[in-house]
Protein backbone atom coordinates (compact mmCIF):
# COMPACT_ATOMS: atom_id res chain seq x y z
CA MET A 1 6.26 16.07 -51.67
CA GLU A 2 9.59 17.87 -51.48
CA THR A 3 10.47 19.30 -48.08
CA LEU A 4 13.86 20.90 -47.61
CA GLU A 5 15.30 20.91 -44.10
CA LYS A 6 18.54 22.16 -42.63
CA LYS A 7 19.89 22.01 -39.09
CA PHE A 8 22.94 24.02 -38.11
CA LYS A 9 24.63 25.85 -35.23
CA LYS A 10 25.97 29.38 -35.10
CA VAL A 11 27.67 31.31 -32.31
CA ARG A 12 25.77 34.58 -31.85
CA TYR A 13 25.42 37.42 -29.40
CA VAL A 14 21.79 37.28 -28.25
CA GLY A 15 19.55 39.15 -25.82
CA TRP A 16 15.89 39.71 -25.09
CA GLU A 17 14.40 42.80 -26.69
CA THR A 18 11.07 44.51 -26.22
CA SER A 19 9.63 47.74 -27.57
CA MET A 20 10.21 49.22 -24.09
CA SER A 21 13.90 48.25 -23.80
CA PRO A 22 15.93 49.66 -26.69
CA ILE A 23 19.30 48.92 -25.01
CA VAL A 24 19.95 45.23 -24.54
CA GLU A 25 22.99 43.55 -23.03
CA ARG A 26 23.85 40.65 -25.27
CA GLU A 27 25.65 37.44 -24.36
CA LYS A 28 27.54 34.95 -26.47
CA LYS A 29 25.56 31.73 -27.06
CA THR A 30 25.68 28.82 -29.48
CA MET A 31 22.33 28.88 -31.25
CA GLU A 32 20.90 25.75 -32.82
CA TYR A 33 18.68 26.29 -35.88
CA ASN A 34 16.19 24.03 -37.62
CA VAL A 35 14.67 25.48 -40.82
CA TRP A 36 12.28 23.68 -43.18
CA TRP A 37 10.39 24.51 -46.36
CA SER A 38 7.69 22.50 -48.11
CA LYS A 39 7.75 23.87 -51.66
CA GLU A 40 4.51 22.21 -52.77
CA GLU A 41 2.58 23.47 -49.74
CA GLU A 42 4.24 26.91 -49.97
CA ARG A 43 4.95 26.97 -46.24
CA GLY A 44 7.74 26.29 -43.84
CA GLY A 45 8.91 26.88 -40.32
CA PHE A 46 11.84 27.43 -38.04
CA GLU A 47 13.05 26.82 -34.52
CA MET A 48 16.09 28.27 -32.83
CA TYR A 49 17.37 27.90 -29.29
CA ASP A 50 20.54 28.25 -27.27
CA GLU A 51 22.57 25.09 -26.85
CA GLU A 52 23.83 25.98 -23.38
CA SER A 53 20.39 25.88 -21.69
CA TYR A 54 18.62 23.72 -24.33
CA GLY A 55 16.28 26.61 -25.01
CA ASP A 56 15.41 27.56 -21.44
CA ASP A 57 17.15 30.94 -21.84
CA TYR A 58 16.56 31.66 -25.54
CA HIS A 59 14.01 29.96 -27.77
CA ALA A 60 11.95 31.03 -30.79
CA GLU A 61 9.86 29.21 -33.36
CA GLY A 62 7.44 30.16 -36.04
CA SER A 63 5.97 29.69 -39.49
CA LEU A 64 7.13 30.82 -42.93
CA ASP A 65 4.83 31.77 -45.82
CA PHE A 66 5.76 31.48 -49.48
CA THR A 67 4.17 32.35 -52.80
CA GLY A 68 5.95 30.01 -55.17
CA LYS A 69 9.57 30.36 -54.13
CA VAL A 70 9.14 33.90 -52.73
CA LEU A 71 9.35 34.20 -48.94
CA ASP A 72 6.66 36.79 -48.28
CA GLY A 73 5.71 36.36 -44.63
CA TYR A 74 6.46 34.84 -41.26
CA ASP A 75 4.90 34.54 -37.82
CA GLY A 76 6.10 33.77 -34.31
CA VAL A 77 8.79 36.43 -33.86
CA PHE A 78 8.98 40.21 -34.11
CA SER A 79 11.91 40.07 -36.52
CA LEU A 80 13.13 37.12 -38.57
CA ASP A 81 16.71 36.12 -37.70
CA GLU A 82 19.22 36.85 -40.46
CA GLU A 83 20.61 33.30 -40.27
CA ILE A 84 17.17 31.92 -41.14
CA VAL A 85 16.89 34.26 -44.14
CA ASN A 86 20.39 33.21 -45.28
CA CYS A 87 19.51 29.52 -44.89
CA LEU A 88 16.34 29.88 -46.97
CA GLU A 89 18.25 31.72 -49.67
CA GLY A 90 20.70 28.81 -49.74
CA MET A 91 17.74 26.46 -50.23
CA GLY A 92 16.71 28.45 -53.32
CA ALA A 93 14.06 30.75 -51.85
CA ASP A 94 13.69 34.28 -53.15
CA VAL A 95 14.27 36.37 -50.02
CA LYS A 96 14.74 39.76 -51.71
CA GLN A 97 11.48 41.20 -50.37
CA MET A 98 12.23 39.95 -46.87
CA ARG A 99 15.73 41.45 -46.91
CA GLU A 100 14.27 44.80 -47.98
CA ASP A 101 11.56 44.62 -45.31
CA LEU A 102 14.09 43.69 -42.62
CA GLU A 103 16.83 45.96 -44.01
CA LEU A 104 19.34 43.09 -44.02
């Protein structure tokens, strides 16, 4: 069974957002990402957290749903991080629908 996995770090400006707080002060953090995709099972997942607090300040994880190589759903976060979408595209996933849905 082929499972693709990639771990990487990216410096980002992050902040907590809710539907009740449209203005968010962001802070610079090094985010660690772990993204995986099991092509045969048509599913995957992700985890991301800030390196500085080992995820105590910022942490997210969730599942990814595929139909063939098309990324067509996710769960666990309100909005899928652009770095995760870029990573999956680099792995060969078709992320066109997700980019349109997320306006990336």
